[in-house]
Amino acid sequence: MVRPPLTPEQIAAGQRLGAALRSARGTRGLAEVAVEAGISPETLRKIEGGRLPSPAFGTVVCLAGVLGIPVTTLAEVWLADSEMLQAS
């Protein structure tokens, strides 16, 4: 099954999500947070860098838990400037 390409809006949303996660991580090591969340450091690096703009929901939930961020906050970051948010 081939995934359709991400839209520019989805890419921008992933970049916002990555920046929010990086900011929340603060001075904690990338590898430490990744291991606690059950993902590889490379995966977290890609998410934070916006190169994985649409991570799996479970990954976002685990990162939110490790970083102490409500999942709803991360959803709001991802949806900011989104037509989906404006429609609700």
PDB file of N, CA and C in Angstrom:
ATOM      1  N   MET A   1       0.834  -1.168   0.000  1.00  0.00           N
ATOM      2  CA  MET A   1       0.000   0.000   0.000  1.00  0.00           C
ATOM      3  C   MET A   1       0.887   1.242   0.000  1.00  0.00           C
ATOM      4  N   VAL A   2       0.608   2.141  -0.866  1.00  0.00           N
ATOM      5  CA  VAL A   2       1.401   3.355  -0.994  1.00  0.00           C
ATOM      6  C   VAL A   2       0.685   4.486  -0.272  1.00  0.00           C
ATOM      7  N   ARG A   3       1.425   5.170   0.589  1.00  0.00           N
ATOM      8  CA  ARG A   3       0.851   6.323   1.291  1.00  0.00           C
ATOM      9  C   ARG A   3       0.871   7.529   0.374  1.00  0.00           C
ATOM     10  N   PRO A   4      -0.196   8.295   0.383  1.00  0.00           N
ATOM     11  CA  PRO A   4      -0.162   9.530  -0.405  1.00  0.00           C
ATOM     12  C   PRO A   4       0.856  10.493   0.218  1.00  0.00           C
ATOM     13  N   PRO A   5       1.450  11.348  -0.590  1.00  0.00           N
ATOM     14  CA  PRO A   5       2.427  12.287  -0.031  1.00  0.00           C
ATOM     15  C   PRO A   5       1.768  13.241   0.956  1.00  0.00           C
ATOM     16  N   LEU A   6       2.541  13.670   1.928  1.00  0.00           N
ATOM     17  CA  LEU A   6       2.027  14.607   2.911  1.00  0.00           C
ATOM     18  C   LEU A   6       1.843  15.982   2.281  1.00  0.00           C
ATOM     19  N   THR A   7       0.843  16.669   2.749  1.00  0.00           N
ATOM     20  CA  THR A   7       0.594  18.025   2.264  1.00  0.00           C
ATOM     21  C   THR A   7       1.571  18.982   2.951  1.00  0.00           C
ATOM     22  N   PRO A   8       1.762  20.160   2.377  1.00  0.00           N
ATOM     23  CA  PRO A   8       2.615  21.154   3.055  1.00  0.00           C
ATOM     24  C   PRO A   8       2.121  21.472   4.468  1.00  0.00           C
ATOM     25  N   GLU A   9       0.816  21.459   4.666  1.00  0.00           N
ATOM     26  CA  GLU A   9       0.263  21.720   6.000  1.00  0.00           C
ATOM     27  C   GLU A   9       0.642  20.611   6.984  1.00  0.00           C
ATOM     28  N   GLN A  10       0.616  19.360   6.528  1.00  0.00           N
ATOM     29  CA  GLN A  10       1.001  18.248   7.390  1.00  0.00           C
ATOM     30  C   GLN A  10       2.489  18.311   7.724  1.00  0.00           C
ATOM     31  N   ILE A  11       3.280  18.698   6.769  1.00  0.00           N
ATOM     32  CA  ILE A  11       4.719  18.832   7.011  1.00  0.00           C
ATOM     33  C   ILE A  11       4.975  19.938   8.033  1.00  0.00           C
ATOM     34  N   ALA A  12       4.291  21.066   7.883  1.00  0.00           N
ATOM     35  CA  ALA A  12       4.439  22.167   8.841  1.00  0.00           C
ATOM     36  C   ALA A  12       3.970  21.736  10.234  1.00  0.00           C
ATOM     37  N   ALA A  13       2.896  20.966  10.294  1.00  0.00           N
ATOM     38  CA  ALA A  13       2.390  20.469  11.576  1.00  0.00           C
ATOM     39  C   ALA A  13       3.431  19.582  12.245  1.00  0.00           C
ATOM     40  N   GLY A  14       4.071  18.729  11.473  1.00  0.00           N
ATOM     41  CA  GLY A  14       5.117  17.867  12.018  1.00  0.00           C
ATOM     42  C   GLY A  14       6.306  18.656  12.527  1.00  0.00           C
ATOM     43  N   GLN A  15       6.630  19.734  11.843  1.00  0.00           N
ATOM     44  CA  GLN A  15       7.727  20.586  12.293  1.00  0.00           C
ATOM     45  C   GLN A  15       7.370  21.270  13.611  1.00  0.00           C
ATOM     46  N   ARG A  16       6.115  21.717  13.736  1.00  0.00           N
ATOM     47  CA  ARG A  16       5.677  22.320  15.002  1.00  0.00           C
ATOM     48  C   ARG A  16       5.719  21.296  16.131  1.00  0.00           C
ATOM     49  N   LEU A  17       5.244  20.087  15.845  1.00  0.00           N
ATOM     50  CA  LEU A  17       5.257  19.024  16.851  1.00  0.00           C
ATOM     51  C   LEU A  17       6.686  18.729  17.282  1.00  0.00           C
ATOM     52  N   GLY A  18       7.574  18.585  16.321  1.00  0.00           N
ATOM     53  CA  GLY A  18       8.972  18.307  16.638  1.00  0.00           C
ATOM     54  C   GLY A  18       9.598  19.384  17.496  1.00  0.00           C
ATOM     55  N   ALA A  19       9.323  20.631  17.154  1.00  0.00           N
ATOM     56  CA  ALA A  19       9.873  21.751  17.932  1.00  0.00           C
ATOM     57  C   ALA A  19       9.326  21.739  19.356  1.00  0.00           C
ATOM     58  N   ALA A  20       8.042  21.429  19.512  1.00  0.00           N
ATOM     59  CA  ALA A  20       7.437  21.383  20.846  1.00  0.00           C
ATOM     60  C   ALA A  20       8.047  20.264  21.684  1.00  0.00           C
ATOM     61  N   LEU A  21       8.272  19.119  21.066  1.00  0.00           N
ATOM     62  CA  LEU A  21       8.878  18.002  21.791  1.00  0.00           C
ATOM     63  C   LEU A  21      10.314  18.331  22.176  1.00  0.00           C
ATOM     64  N   ARG A  22      11.047  18.936  21.270  1.00  0.00           N
ATOM     65  CA  ARG A  22      12.441  19.302  21.560  1.00  0.00           C
ATOM     66  C   ARG A  22      12.492  20.299  22.708  1.00  0.00           C
ATOM     67  N   SER A  23      11.604  21.264  22.684  1.00  0.00           N
ATOM     68  CA  SER A  23      11.553  22.259  23.745  1.00  0.00           C
ATOM     69  C   SER A  23      11.211  21.607  25.092  1.00  0.00           C
ATOM     70  N   ALA A  24      10.259  20.687  25.079  1.00  0.00           N
ATOM     71  CA  ALA A  24       9.850  20.010  26.312  1.00  0.00           C
ATOM     72  C   ALA A  24      10.963  19.111  26.856  1.00  0.00           C
ATOM     73  N   ARG A  25      11.773  18.576  25.967  1.00  0.00           N
ATOM     74  CA  ARG A  25      12.882  17.707  26.397  1.00  0.00           C
ATOM     75  C   ARG A  25      13.925  18.516  27.146  1.00  0.00           C
ATOM     76  N   GLY A  26      14.060  19.785  26.794  1.00  0.00           N
ATOM     77  CA  GLY A  26      15.000  20.656  27.501  1.00  0.00           C
ATOM     78  C   GLY A  26      16.415  20.123  27.469  1.00  0.00           C
ATOM     79  N   THR A  27      16.995  19.967  28.648  1.00  0.00           N
ATOM     80  CA  THR A  27      18.389  19.513  28.742  1.00  0.00           C
ATOM     81  C   THR A  27      18.505  17.995  28.861  1.00  0.00           C
ATOM     82  N   ARG A  28      17.385  17.306  28.894  1.00  0.00           N
ATOM     83  CA  ARG A  28      17.440  15.839  28.967  1.00  0.00           C
ATOM     84  C   ARG A  28      18.021  15.291  27.675  1.00  0.00           C
ATOM     85  N   GLY A  29      18.765  14.247  27.775  1.00  0.00           N
ATOM     86  CA  GLY A  29      19.379  13.645  26.604  1.00  0.00           C
ATOM     87  C   GLY A  29      18.359  13.005  25.678  1.00  0.00           C
ATOM     88  N   LEU A  30      18.608  13.143  24.385  1.00  0.00           N
ATOM     89  CA  LEU A  30      17.723  12.570  23.378  1.00  0.00           C
ATOM     90  C   LEU A  30      17.609  11.057  23.563  1.00  0.00           C
ATOM     91  N   ALA A  31      18.732  10.386  23.753  1.00  0.00           N
ATOM     92  CA  ALA A  31      18.716   8.926  23.903  1.00  0.00           C
ATOM     93  C   ALA A  31      17.939   8.508  25.146  1.00  0.00           C
ATOM     94  N   GLU A  32      18.119   9.234  26.232  1.00  0.00           N
ATOM     95  CA  GLU A  32      17.409   8.926  27.479  1.00  0.00           C
ATOM     96  C   GLU A  32      15.897   8.996  27.277  1.00  0.00           C
ATOM     97  N   VAL A  33      15.423  10.066  26.668  1.00  0.00           N
ATOM     98  CA  VAL A  33      13.988  10.246  26.450  1.00  0.00           C
ATOM     99  C   VAL A  33      13.459   9.193  25.482  1.00  0.00           C
ATOM    100  N   ALA A  34      14.211   8.938  24.428  1.00  0.00           N
ATOM    101  CA  ALA A  34      13.778   7.946  23.438  1.00  0.00           C
ATOM    102  C   ALA A  34      13.617   6.567  24.077  1.00  0.00           C
ATOM    103  N   VAL A  35      14.603   6.143  24.847  1.00  0.00           N
ATOM    104  CA  VAL A  35      14.540   4.829  25.481  1.00  0.00           C
ATOM    105  C   VAL A  35      13.359   4.759  26.448  1.00  0.00           C
ATOM    106  N   GLU A  36      13.155   5.816  27.226  1.00  0.00           N
ATOM    107  CA  GLU A  36      12.019   5.826  28.150  1.00  0.00           C
ATOM    108  C   GLU A  36      10.691   5.732  27.411  1.00  0.00           C
ATOM    109  N   ALA A  37      10.631   6.316  26.217  1.00  0.00           N
ATOM    110  CA  ALA A  37       9.392   6.294  25.426  1.00  0.00           C
ATOM    111  C   ALA A  37       9.261   5.020  24.594  1.00  0.00           C
ATOM    112  N   GLY A  38      10.299   4.198  24.587  1.00  0.00           N
ATOM    113  CA  GLY A  38      10.232   2.943  23.840  1.00  0.00           C
ATOM    114  C   GLY A  38      10.474   3.092  22.348  1.00  0.00           C
ATOM    115  N   ILE A  39      11.193   4.150  21.968  1.00  0.00           N
ATOM    116  CA  ILE A  39      11.527   4.348  20.552  1.00  0.00           C
ATOM    117  C   ILE A  39      13.039   4.506  20.420  1.00  0.00           C
ATOM    118  N   SER A  40      13.500   4.445  19.205  1.00  0.00           N
ATOM    119  CA  SER A  40      14.946   4.600  18.987  1.00  0.00           C
ATOM    120  C   SER A  40      15.313   6.082  19.031  1.00  0.00           C
ATOM    121  N   PRO A  41      16.545   6.369  19.430  1.00  0.00           N
ATOM    122  CA  PRO A  41      16.998   7.759  19.386  1.00  0.00           C
ATOM    123  C   PRO A  41      16.888   8.355  17.982  1.00  0.00           C
ATOM    124  N   GLU A  42      17.128   7.565  16.956  1.00  0.00           N
ATOM    125  CA  GLU A  42      17.019   8.073  15.584  1.00  0.00           C
ATOM    126  C   GLU A  42      15.589   8.477  15.252  1.00  0.00           C
ATOM    127  N   THR A  43      14.625   7.713  15.730  1.00  0.00           N
ATOM    128  CA  THR A  43      13.225   8.080  15.505  1.00  0.00           C
ATOM    129  C   THR A  43      12.913   9.407  16.171  1.00  0.00           C
ATOM    130  N   LEU A  44      13.341   9.576  17.419  1.00  0.00           N
ATOM    131  CA  LEU A  44      13.096  10.843  18.115  1.00  0.00           C
ATOM    132  C   LEU A  44      13.820  11.985  17.400  1.00  0.00           C
ATOM    133  N   ARG A  45      15.025  11.743  16.947  1.00  0.00           N
ATOM    134  CA  ARG A  45      15.781  12.765  16.208  1.00  0.00           C
ATOM    135  C   ARG A  45      14.996  13.201  14.960  1.00  0.00           C
ATOM    136  N   LYS A  46      14.426  12.238  14.245  1.00  0.00           N
ATOM    137  CA  LYS A  46      13.644  12.549  13.040  1.00  0.00           C
ATOM    138  C   LYS A  46      12.374  13.327  13.387  1.00  0.00           C
ATOM    139  N   ILE A  47      11.705  12.954  14.468  1.00  0.00           N
ATOM    140  CA  ILE A  47      10.485  13.651  14.872  1.00  0.00           C
ATOM    141  C   ILE A  47      10.831  15.090  15.251  1.00  0.00           C
ATOM    142  N   GLU A  48      11.832  15.247  16.105  1.00  0.00           N
ATOM    143  CA  GLU A  48      12.204  16.585  16.549  1.00  0.00           C
ATOM    144  C   GLU A  48      12.681  17.467  15.394  1.00  0.00           C
ATOM    145  N   GLY A  49      13.306  16.863  14.413  1.00  0.00           N
ATOM    146  CA  GLY A  49      13.802  17.620  13.269  1.00  0.00           C
ATOM    147  C   GLY A  49      12.768  17.861  12.193  1.00  0.00           C
ATOM    148  N   GLY A  50      11.556  17.339  12.392  1.00  0.00           N
ATOM    149  CA  GLY A  50      10.495  17.524  11.410  1.00  0.00           C
ATOM    150  C   GLY A  50      10.618  16.615  10.201  1.00  0.00           C
ATOM    151  N   ARG A  51      11.543  15.644  10.256  1.00  0.00           N
ATOM    152  CA  ARG A  51      11.712  14.717   9.132  1.00  0.00           C
ATOM    153  C   ARG A  51      10.757  13.530   9.218  1.00  0.00           C
ATOM    154  N   LEU A  52      10.057  13.404  10.330  1.00  0.00           N
ATOM    155  CA  LEU A  52       9.015  12.384  10.501  1.00  0.00           C
ATOM    156  C   LEU A  52       7.778  13.138  10.987  1.00  0.00           C
ATOM    157  N   PRO A  53       7.114  13.832  10.063  1.00  0.00           N
ATOM    158  CA  PRO A  53       6.056  14.761  10.459  1.00  0.00           C
ATOM    159  C   PRO A  53       4.756  14.119  10.915  1.00  0.00           C
ATOM    160  N   SER A  54       4.619  12.819  10.705  1.00  0.00           N
ATOM    161  CA  SER A  54       3.379  12.160  11.077  1.00  0.00           C
ATOM    162  C   SER A  54       3.685  10.887  11.872  1.00  0.00           C
ATOM    163  N   PRO A  55       4.242  11.049  13.097  1.00  0.00           N
ATOM    164  CA  PRO A  55       4.583   9.853  13.881  1.00  0.00           C
ATOM    165  C   PRO A  55       3.335   9.104  14.320  1.00  0.00           C
ATOM    166  N   ALA A  56       3.517   7.844  14.639  1.00  0.00           N
ATOM    167  CA  ALA A  56       2.407   7.010  15.109  1.00  0.00           C
ATOM    168  C   ALA A  56       1.812   7.596  16.390  1.00  0.00           C
ATOM    169  N   PHE A  57       0.521   7.441  16.537  1.00  0.00           N
ATOM    170  CA  PHE A  57      -0.185   7.964  17.707  1.00  0.00           C
ATOM    171  C   PHE A  57       0.427   7.426  18.996  1.00  0.00           C
ATOM    172  N   GLY A  58       0.709   6.134  19.033  1.00  0.00           N
ATOM    173  CA  GLY A  58       1.300   5.535  20.234  1.00  0.00           C
ATOM    174  C   GLY A  58       2.633   6.154  20.585  1.00  0.00           C
ATOM    175  N   THR A  59       3.404   6.507  19.585  1.00  0.00           N
ATOM    176  CA  THR A  59       4.691   7.159  19.809  1.00  0.00           C
ATOM    177  C   THR A  59       4.482   8.518  20.457  1.00  0.00           C
ATOM    178  N   VAL A  60       3.524   9.272  19.947  1.00  0.00           N
ATOM    179  CA  VAL A  60       3.238  10.603  20.506  1.00  0.00           C
ATOM    180  C   VAL A  60       2.742  10.462  21.945  1.00  0.00           C
ATOM    181  N   VAL A  61       1.889   9.477  22.208  1.00  0.00           N
ATOM    182  CA  VAL A  61       1.366   9.260  23.562  1.00  0.00           C
ATOM    183  C   VAL A  61       2.508   8.925  24.522  1.00  0.00           C
ATOM    184  N   CYS A  62       3.400   8.052  24.101  1.00  0.00           N
ATOM    185  CA  CYS A  62       4.528   7.672  24.964  1.00  0.00           C
ATOM    186  C   CYS A  62       5.458   8.851  25.215  1.00  0.00           C
ATOM    187  N   LEU A  63       5.742   9.627  24.184  1.00  0.00           N
ATOM    188  CA  LEU A  63       6.594  10.813  24.364  1.00  0.00           C
ATOM    189  C   LEU A  63       5.925  11.817  25.290  1.00  0.00           C
ATOM    190  N   ALA A  64       4.629  12.014  25.132  1.00  0.00           N
ATOM    191  CA  ALA A  64       3.900  12.932  26.007  1.00  0.00           C
ATOM    192  C   ALA A  64       4.024  12.487  27.462  1.00  0.00           C
ATOM    193  N   GLY A  65       3.878  11.203  27.701  1.00  0.00           N
ATOM    194  CA  GLY A  65       3.989  10.681  29.064  1.00  0.00           C
ATOM    195  C   GLY A  65       5.371  10.879  29.653  1.00  0.00           C
ATOM    196  N   VAL A  66       6.392  10.570  28.884  1.00  0.00           N
ATOM    197  CA  VAL A  66       7.767  10.707  29.355  1.00  0.00           C
ATOM    198  C   VAL A  66       8.108  12.175  29.619  1.00  0.00           C
ATOM    199  N   LEU A  67       7.603  13.057  28.781  1.00  0.00           N
ATOM    200  CA  LEU A  67       7.933  14.482  28.904  1.00  0.00           C
ATOM    201  C   LEU A  67       6.966  15.253  29.799  1.00  0.00           C
ATOM    202  N   GLY A  68       5.901  14.582  30.243  1.00  0.00           N
ATOM    203  CA  GLY A  68       4.950  15.232  31.132  1.00  0.00           C
ATOM    204  C   GLY A  68       4.097  16.280  30.441  1.00  0.00           C
ATOM    205  N   ILE A  69       3.781  16.027  29.179  1.00  0.00           N
ATOM    206  CA  ILE A  69       2.955  16.951  28.398  1.00  0.00           C
ATOM    207  C   ILE A  69       1.617  16.273  28.138  1.00  0.00           C
ATOM    208  N   PRO A  70       0.503  16.957  28.367  1.00  0.00           N
ATOM    209  CA  PRO A  70      -0.787  16.356  28.000  1.00  0.00           C
ATOM    210  C   PRO A  70      -0.845  16.114  26.486  1.00  0.00           C
ATOM    211  N   VAL A  71      -1.379  14.985  26.099  1.00  0.00           N
ATOM    212  CA  VAL A  71      -1.520  14.660  24.672  1.00  0.00           C
ATOM    213  C   VAL A  71      -2.340  15.739  23.969  1.00  0.00           C
ATOM    214  N   THR A  72      -3.312  16.288  24.663  1.00  0.00           N
ATOM    215  CA  THR A  72      -4.133  17.337  24.046  1.00  0.00           C
ATOM    216  C   THR A  72      -3.296  18.565  23.685  1.00  0.00           C
ATOM    217  N   THR A  73      -2.292  18.860  24.477  1.00  0.00           N
ATOM    218  CA  THR A  73      -1.408  19.988  24.164  1.00  0.00           C
ATOM    219  C   THR A  73      -0.662  19.722  22.864  1.00  0.00           C
ATOM    220  N   LEU A  74      -0.147  18.498  22.704  1.00  0.00           N
ATOM    221  CA  LEU A  74       0.564  18.160  21.472  1.00  0.00           C
ATOM    222  C   LEU A  74      -0.387  18.161  20.281  1.00  0.00           C
ATOM    223  N   ALA A  75      -1.621  17.738  20.500  1.00  0.00           N
ATOM    224  CA  ALA A  75      -2.608  17.782  19.417  1.00  0.00           C
ATOM    225  C   ALA A  75      -2.874  19.223  19.000  1.00  0.00           C
ATOM    226  N   GLU A  76      -2.969  20.114  19.962  1.00  0.00           N
ATOM    227  CA  GLU A  76      -3.185  21.525  19.639  1.00  0.00           C
ATOM    228  C   GLU A  76      -2.003  22.110  18.870  1.00  0.00           C
ATOM    229  N   VAL A  77      -0.795  21.710  19.234  1.00  0.00           N
ATOM    230  CA  VAL A  77       0.398  22.158  18.500  1.00  0.00           C
ATOM    231  C   VAL A  77       0.325  21.671  17.065  1.00  0.00           C
ATOM    232  N   TRP A  78      -0.007  20.397  16.890  1.00  0.00           N
ATOM    233  CA  TRP A  78      -0.063  19.818  15.546  1.00  0.00           C
ATOM    234  C   TRP A  78      -1.157  20.480  14.711  1.00  0.00           C
ATOM    235  N   LEU A  79      -2.273  20.811  15.346  1.00  0.00           N
ATOM    236  CA  LEU A  79      -3.408  21.387  14.625  1.00  0.00           C
ATOM    237  C   LEU A  79      -3.337  22.907  14.447  1.00  0.00           C
ATOM    238  N   ALA A  80      -2.436  23.574  15.125  1.00  0.00           N
ATOM    239  CA  ALA A  80      -2.344  25.034  15.023  1.00  0.00           C
ATOM    240  C   ALA A  80      -2.253  25.447  13.560  1.00  0.00           C
ATOM    241  N   ASP A  81      -2.972  26.482  13.197  1.00  0.00           N
ATOM    242  CA  ASP A  81      -3.000  26.987  11.813  1.00  0.00           C
ATOM    243  C   ASP A  81      -3.611  25.998  10.826  1.00  0.00           C
ATOM    244  N   SER A  82      -4.317  25.015  11.331  1.00  0.00           N
ATOM    245  CA  SER A  82      -4.894  23.965  10.496  1.00  0.00           C
ATOM    246  C   SER A  82      -6.339  24.271  10.166  1.00  0.00           C
ATOM    247  N   GLU A  83      -6.759  23.889   8.972  1.00  0.00           N
ATOM    248  CA  GLU A  83      -8.158  24.031   8.587  1.00  0.00           C
ATOM    249  C   GLU A  83      -9.040  23.170   9.475  1.00  0.00           C
ATOM    250  N   MET A  84      -8.509  22.012   9.923  1.00  0.00           N
ATOM    251  CA  MET A  84      -9.288  21.122  10.797  1.00  0.00           C
ATOM    252  C   MET A  84      -9.614  21.831  12.103  1.00  0.00           C
ATOM    253  N   LEU A  85      -8.676  22.569  12.652  1.00  0.00           N
ATOM    254  CA  LEU A  85      -8.898  23.297  13.890  1.00  0.00           C
ATOM    255  C   LEU A  85      -9.901  24.419  13.686  1.00  0.00           C
ATOM    256  N   GLN A  86      -9.790  25.115  12.561  1.00  0.00           N
ATOM    257  CA  GLN A  86     -10.690  26.218  12.271  1.00  0.00           C
ATOM    258  C   GLN A  86     -12.119  25.731  12.026  1.00  0.00           C
ATOM    259  N   ALA A  87     -12.285  24.488  11.569  1.00  0.00           N
ATOM    260  CA  ALA A  87     -13.611  23.945  11.272  1.00  0.00           C
ATOM    261  C   ALA A  87     -14.342  23.514  12.543  1.00  0.00           C
ATOM    262  N   SER A  88     -13.589  23.299  13.631  1.00  0.00           N
ATOM    263  CA  SER A  88     -14.235  22.816  14.855  1.00  0.00           C
ATOM    264  C   SER A  88     -14.793  23.932  15.691  1.00  0.00           C
TER     265      SER A  88
END
